[in-house]
Amino acid sequence: MVLATRPLGTTGMQVSVLGLGTVKLGRNTSVKYPRPFELPTDDDARRLLDLASEVGINLLDTAPAYGVSEVRLGALLNARRDRWLLSTKVGEEFDPSTGFSRFDFTPEHTRASVERSLQRLRTDRLDIVLVHSDGDDERIVREYGTLQVLANLKHEGKVRAIGFSPKTPEGALAAMPLSDVLMLTLNPADRAMLPIVRAARGTGILVKKGLLSGHLEGVQLPAAADRVEACLRFLLAETGVSSVVVGTIDPAHLQHDARAAAAALT
């Protein structure tokens, strides 16, 4: 089994219908997963990446707010970097000493954050860079110039595609004209972004929290033997969805999700 790919909007990139989120490679405090977890060892993380590649996943999603995720990925991928599309973010910084995030969307910080991500990931270009919103989406788009700086970095060849990870439909609409990619929360229990997916028309859509961050129990889903498959069938039925990013470090869960995604497309 090898997962299908879809166009990432008009970027020219083909992305696997499942992407691998890597917050759990770098951070296990102040997160909202149903159960606590230990960060995987390097060997375990390497095996997880190998499995992801074997099932056809080609997208890795990370961020400065994901603790040491970028640094670990840079070391783990090394010569294998070209197998992957790397997506990271700007704007949010997590402080492990306080357990809280801080946000900086200024042009100066945006450029410095991208340069730092390039160093941490040990690469000469980032495939996707998204603005990691604090929820004040429209103000970020209209006042800070964050997306304009990312557009400049794209022109310089350091970034291939830019975009926004909003909290609100209004923010998504405001960011869309300036974005190659949007990363939206969408799942059967939260459909607020569904009109945005259907209106995107050329903007690549990455879905976050598609499996409710492990909180699928109790969610009303169409009748199906497998709840993950039912959820992915709902998401991947939307042709505007390029990829659903899942954030597991459990190989069995990753295999299950890959099988469910393949079944959802049949």
Protein backbone atom coordinates (compact mmCIF):
# COMPACT_ATOMS: atom_id res chain seq x y z
CA MET A 1 0.00 0.00 0.00
CA VAL A 2 1.28 3.43 -1.01
CA LEU A 3 -0.85 6.46 -0.27
CA ALA A 4 -2.24 8.58 -3.08
CA THR A 5 -1.04 12.13 -3.61
CA ARG A 6 -2.93 15.29 -4.47
CA PRO A 7 -1.81 18.65 -5.86
CA LEU A 8 -0.99 21.20 -3.18
CA GLY A 9 -3.06 23.91 -4.77
CA THR A 10 -1.16 25.56 -7.62
CA THR A 11 2.26 25.23 -5.97
CA GLY A 12 3.35 22.45 -8.33
CA MET A 13 3.96 20.15 -5.36
CA GLN A 14 2.23 16.78 -5.01
CA VAL A 15 1.51 15.95 -1.39
CA SER A 16 0.47 12.64 0.17
CA VAL A 17 -3.13 12.59 1.40
CA LEU A 18 -1.74 11.99 4.90
CA GLY A 19 1.02 14.11 6.36
CA LEU A 20 2.92 13.44 9.57
CA GLY A 21 2.76 16.08 12.28
CA THR A 22 5.83 16.11 14.51
CA VAL A 23 4.89 18.01 17.66
CA LYS A 24 5.30 14.74 19.59
CA LEU A 25 8.93 14.50 18.47
CA GLY A 26 9.74 17.70 20.29
CA ARG A 27 7.28 18.61 23.00
CA ASN A 28 5.16 16.80 25.58
CA THR A 29 4.19 19.63 27.94
CA SER A 30 1.18 21.96 27.66
CA VAL A 31 -0.37 19.83 24.93
CA LYS A 32 -4.00 18.73 24.63
CA TYR A 33 -3.71 15.04 23.79
CA PRO A 34 -5.85 12.59 25.78
CA ARG A 35 -2.89 10.74 27.30
CA PRO A 36 0.60 11.78 28.44
CA PHE A 37 3.53 10.51 26.40
CA GLU A 38 7.30 10.36 26.42
CA LEU A 39 9.31 11.84 23.57
CA PRO A 40 10.56 9.02 21.33
CA THR A 41 14.22 8.10 21.22
CA ASP A 42 16.17 8.92 18.06
CA ASP A 43 15.98 5.27 17.00
CA ASP A 44 12.21 5.17 17.51
CA ALA A 45 11.78 8.45 15.66
CA ARG A 46 13.91 7.19 12.78
CA ARG A 47 11.83 4.02 12.53
CA LEU A 48 8.65 6.11 12.53
CA LEU A 49 9.97 8.25 9.65
CA ASP A 50 10.99 5.12 7.76
CA LEU A 51 7.48 3.72 8.18
CA ALA A 52 5.94 7.00 7.06
CA SER A 53 8.05 6.90 3.91
CA GLU A 54 7.16 3.25 3.28
CA VAL A 55 3.41 3.95 3.30
CA GLY A 56 3.87 6.91 0.97
CA ILE A 57 3.78 9.90 3.32
CA ASN A 58 5.95 12.70 1.94
CA LEU A 59 4.88 15.66 4.12
CA LEU A 60 6.38 16.43 7.53
CA ASP A 61 4.82 19.26 9.51
CA THR A 62 6.79 21.00 12.25
CA ALA A 63 7.10 24.41 13.93
CA PRO A 64 9.31 26.38 16.32
CA ALA A 65 6.47 25.99 18.83
CA TYR A 66 6.96 22.21 18.75
CA GLY A 67 9.89 22.27 21.14
CA VAL A 68 12.94 20.53 19.70
CA SER A 69 11.04 19.03 16.74
CA GLU A 70 12.88 21.05 14.07
CA VAL A 71 16.30 20.28 15.53
CA ARG A 72 15.53 16.57 15.79
CA LEU A 73 14.17 16.39 12.26
CA GLY A 74 17.24 18.12 10.89
CA ALA A 75 19.48 15.48 12.48
CA LEU A 76 17.20 12.55 11.62
CA LEU A 77 16.64 13.41 7.97
CA ASN A 78 20.17 14.51 7.10
CA ALA A 79 20.92 13.04 3.64
CA ARG A 80 17.30 11.90 3.26
CA ARG A 81 15.92 15.42 3.25
CA ASP A 82 14.93 15.29 -0.45
CA ARG A 83 12.43 12.50 0.25
CA TRP A 84 10.25 14.96 2.10
CA LEU A 85 8.21 18.12 1.80
CA LEU A 86 8.98 20.11 4.95
CA SER A 87 6.37 22.45 6.39
CA THR A 88 7.17 24.74 9.30
CA LYS A 89 5.75 27.93 10.77
CA VAL A 90 6.50 31.41 12.08
CA GLY A 91 4.94 33.54 14.79
CA GLU A 92 4.60 31.22 17.80
CA GLU A 93 7.43 30.40 20.20
CA PHE A 94 6.94 27.95 23.09
CA ASP A 95 8.79 28.68 26.34
CA PRO A 96 9.31 25.39 28.22
CA SER A 97 10.26 27.27 31.39
CA THR A 98 6.78 28.80 31.66
CA GLY A 99 4.73 26.27 29.72
CA PHE A 100 3.25 29.07 27.62
CA SER A 101 3.64 30.33 24.10
CA ARG A 102 4.51 33.87 23.07
CA PHE A 103 3.83 35.36 19.67
CA ASP A 104 5.78 37.69 17.42
CA PHE A 105 4.58 38.45 13.90
CA THR A 106 6.92 41.33 13.14
CA PRO A 107 8.88 41.33 9.88
CA GLU A 108 12.17 41.10 11.77
CA HIS A 109 11.15 38.07 13.76
CA THR A 110 9.55 36.42 10.74
CA ARG A 111 12.76 36.55 8.73
CA ALA A 112 14.88 35.49 11.70
CA SER A 113 12.53 32.57 12.40
CA VAL A 114 12.79 31.28 8.82
CA GLU A 115 16.59 31.58 8.85
CA ARG A 116 16.69 29.67 12.14
CA SER A 117 14.39 26.95 10.79
CA LEU A 118 16.67 26.53 7.78
CA GLN A 119 19.59 25.97 10.15
CA ARG A 120 17.70 23.65 12.48
CA LEU A 121 16.34 21.54 9.64
CA ARG A 122 19.74 21.53 7.91
CA THR A 123 18.30 22.50 4.55
CA ASP A 124 18.69 25.24 1.98
CA ARG A 125 14.94 25.67 1.42
CA LEU A 126 11.65 25.19 3.21
CA ASP A 127 8.84 23.76 1.14
CA ILE A 128 6.03 25.41 3.11
CA VAL A 129 6.06 28.14 5.76
CA LEU A 130 2.81 29.06 7.50
CA VAL A 131 1.93 31.83 9.93
CA HIS A 132 1.09 30.20 13.29
CA SER A 133 -1.79 32.44 14.36
CA ASP A 134 -2.61 33.41 17.93
CA GLY A 135 -6.26 33.81 16.96
CA ASP A 136 -6.18 37.49 15.98
CA ASP A 137 -6.06 36.41 12.36
CA GLU A 138 -7.31 39.49 10.56
CA ARG A 139 -5.03 41.84 12.44
CA ILE A 140 -2.01 39.67 11.63
CA VAL A 141 -2.90 39.68 7.94
CA ARG A 142 -3.63 43.40 7.71
CA GLU A 143 -1.19 45.04 10.12
CA TYR A 144 2.01 43.03 10.62
CA GLY A 145 3.27 42.36 7.10
CA THR A 146 4.13 38.78 8.06
CA LEU A 147 2.90 37.26 4.81
CA GLN A 148 4.67 39.95 2.81
CA VAL A 149 7.99 39.01 4.41
CA LEU A 150 7.31 35.36 3.62
CA ALA A 151 6.59 36.38 0.02
CA ASN A 152 10.00 38.07 -0.09
CA LEU A 153 11.66 34.93 1.26
CA LYS A 154 9.84 32.93 -1.40
CA HIS A 155 11.20 35.30 -4.06
CA GLU A 156 14.68 34.74 -2.62
CA GLY A 157 14.29 30.96 -3.06
CA LYS A 158 14.40 30.13 0.65
CA VAL A 159 10.71 29.13 0.74
CA ARG A 160 8.66 27.40 -1.97
CA ALA A 161 5.13 28.10 -0.70
CA ILE A 162 3.72 30.39 1.97
CA GLY A 163 0.49 30.56 3.87
CA PHE A 164 -1.51 30.86 7.05
CA SER A 165 -2.82 28.61 9.82
CA PRO A 166 -5.84 30.59 11.05
CA LYS A 167 -8.22 30.13 13.92
CA THR A 168 -11.27 31.71 12.25
CA PRO A 169 -13.02 31.49 8.88
CA GLU A 170 -12.76 35.27 8.61
CA GLY A 171 -8.99 35.04 9.08
CA ALA A 172 -8.76 32.32 6.47
CA LEU A 173 -10.61 34.47 3.95
CA ALA A 174 -8.40 37.47 4.73
CA ALA A 175 -5.23 35.41 4.30
CA MET A 176 -6.29 33.46 1.22
CA PRO A 177 -5.34 36.06 -1.45
CA LEU A 178 -1.81 36.22 -0.01
CA SER A 179 -1.40 32.48 0.59
CA ASP A 180 -0.37 29.46 -1.46
CA VAL A 181 -1.48 27.16 1.37
CA LEU A 182 -3.90 27.32 4.29
CA MET A 183 -3.83 24.93 7.25
CA LEU A 184 -7.34 24.60 8.64
CA THR A 185 -9.04 22.80 11.51
CA LEU A 186 -11.65 20.51 10.02
CA ASN A 187 -13.32 17.35 11.30
CA PRO A 188 -16.84 15.93 11.62
CA ALA A 189 -17.31 17.79 14.92
CA ASP A 190 -15.96 21.13 13.68
CA ARG A 191 -17.08 22.08 10.17
CA ALA A 192 -16.69 25.86 10.41
CA MET A 193 -13.87 25.85 7.84
CA LEU A 194 -15.72 23.68 5.29
CA PRO A 195 -16.90 26.68 3.22
CA ILE A 196 -13.28 27.88 3.09
CA VAL A 197 -12.12 24.53 1.71
CA ARG A 198 -14.79 24.70 -0.96
CA ALA A 199 -13.96 28.31 -1.84
CA ALA A 200 -10.18 27.87 -1.94
CA ARG A 201 -9.86 27.20 -5.72
CA GLY A 202 -6.11 26.99 -6.18
CA THR A 203 -5.03 27.42 -2.57
CA GLY A 204 -3.62 24.21 -1.13
CA ILE A 205 -5.46 23.01 1.97
CA LEU A 206 -3.76 21.12 4.77
CA VAL A 207 -6.10 19.85 7.49
CA LYS A 208 -5.10 19.94 11.16
CA LYS A 209 -7.01 18.27 14.00
CA GLY A 210 -8.72 16.08 11.42
CA LEU A 211 -8.85 13.20 13.91
CA LEU A 212 -9.63 15.56 16.81
CA SER A 213 -6.13 15.13 18.30
CA GLY A 214 -7.03 11.66 19.55
CA HIS A 215 -10.45 12.66 20.94
CA LEU A 216 -12.60 10.74 18.44
CA GLU A 217 -14.55 8.86 21.10
CA GLY A 218 -18.00 10.31 21.55
CA VAL A 219 -18.00 12.10 18.20
CA GLN A 220 -21.00 11.27 16.04
CA LEU A 221 -19.77 9.75 12.78
CA PRO A 222 -21.41 8.01 9.82
CA ALA A 223 -21.87 4.28 10.36
CA ALA A 224 -18.53 2.56 9.74
CA ALA A 225 -16.54 -0.30 11.17
CA ASP A 226 -13.57 2.03 11.70
CA ARG A 227 -13.96 5.48 13.23
CA VAL A 228 -10.68 6.76 11.79
CA GLU A 229 -11.72 5.63 8.32
CA ALA A 230 -15.11 7.34 8.71
CA CYS A 231 -13.41 10.56 9.73
CA LEU A 232 -10.89 10.44 6.87
CA ARG A 233 -13.64 9.57 4.40
CA PHE A 234 -15.44 12.76 5.45
CA LEU A 235 -12.27 14.83 5.01
CA LEU A 236 -10.90 13.31 1.82
CA ALA A 237 -14.27 13.45 0.09
CA GLU A 238 -13.48 17.16 -0.17
CA THR A 239 -11.40 17.44 -3.33
CA GLY A 240 -10.02 20.75 -2.09
CA VAL A 241 -8.27 18.99 0.80
CA SER A 242 -4.69 18.27 -0.21
CA SER A 243 -3.53 16.44 2.92
CA VAL A 244 -4.67 15.57 6.44
CA VAL A 245 -1.85 15.96 8.97
CA VAL A 246 -1.89 13.36 11.75
CA GLY A 247 0.36 13.69 14.79
CA THR A 248 1.20 10.21 16.04
CA ILE A 249 4.44 8.65 17.28
CA ASP A 250 2.90 5.16 17.50
CA PRO A 251 3.83 3.02 14.46
CA ALA A 252 0.68 0.92 14.83
CA HIS A 253 -1.47 4.05 14.82
CA LEU A 254 0.36 5.40 11.77
CA GLN A 255 -0.17 2.14 9.88
CA HIS A 256 -3.84 2.16 10.90
CA ASP A 257 -4.26 5.75 9.73
CA ALA A 258 -2.57 4.98 6.40
CA ARG A 259 -4.80 1.95 5.80
CA ALA A 260 -7.86 3.99 6.77
CA ALA A 261 -6.88 6.78 4.36
CA ALA A 262 -6.42 4.30 1.53
CA ALA A 263 -9.80 2.71 2.31
CA ALA A 264 -11.46 6.13 2.52
CA LEU A 265 -10.49 6.81 -1.10
CA THR A 266 -11.96 3.58 -2.47
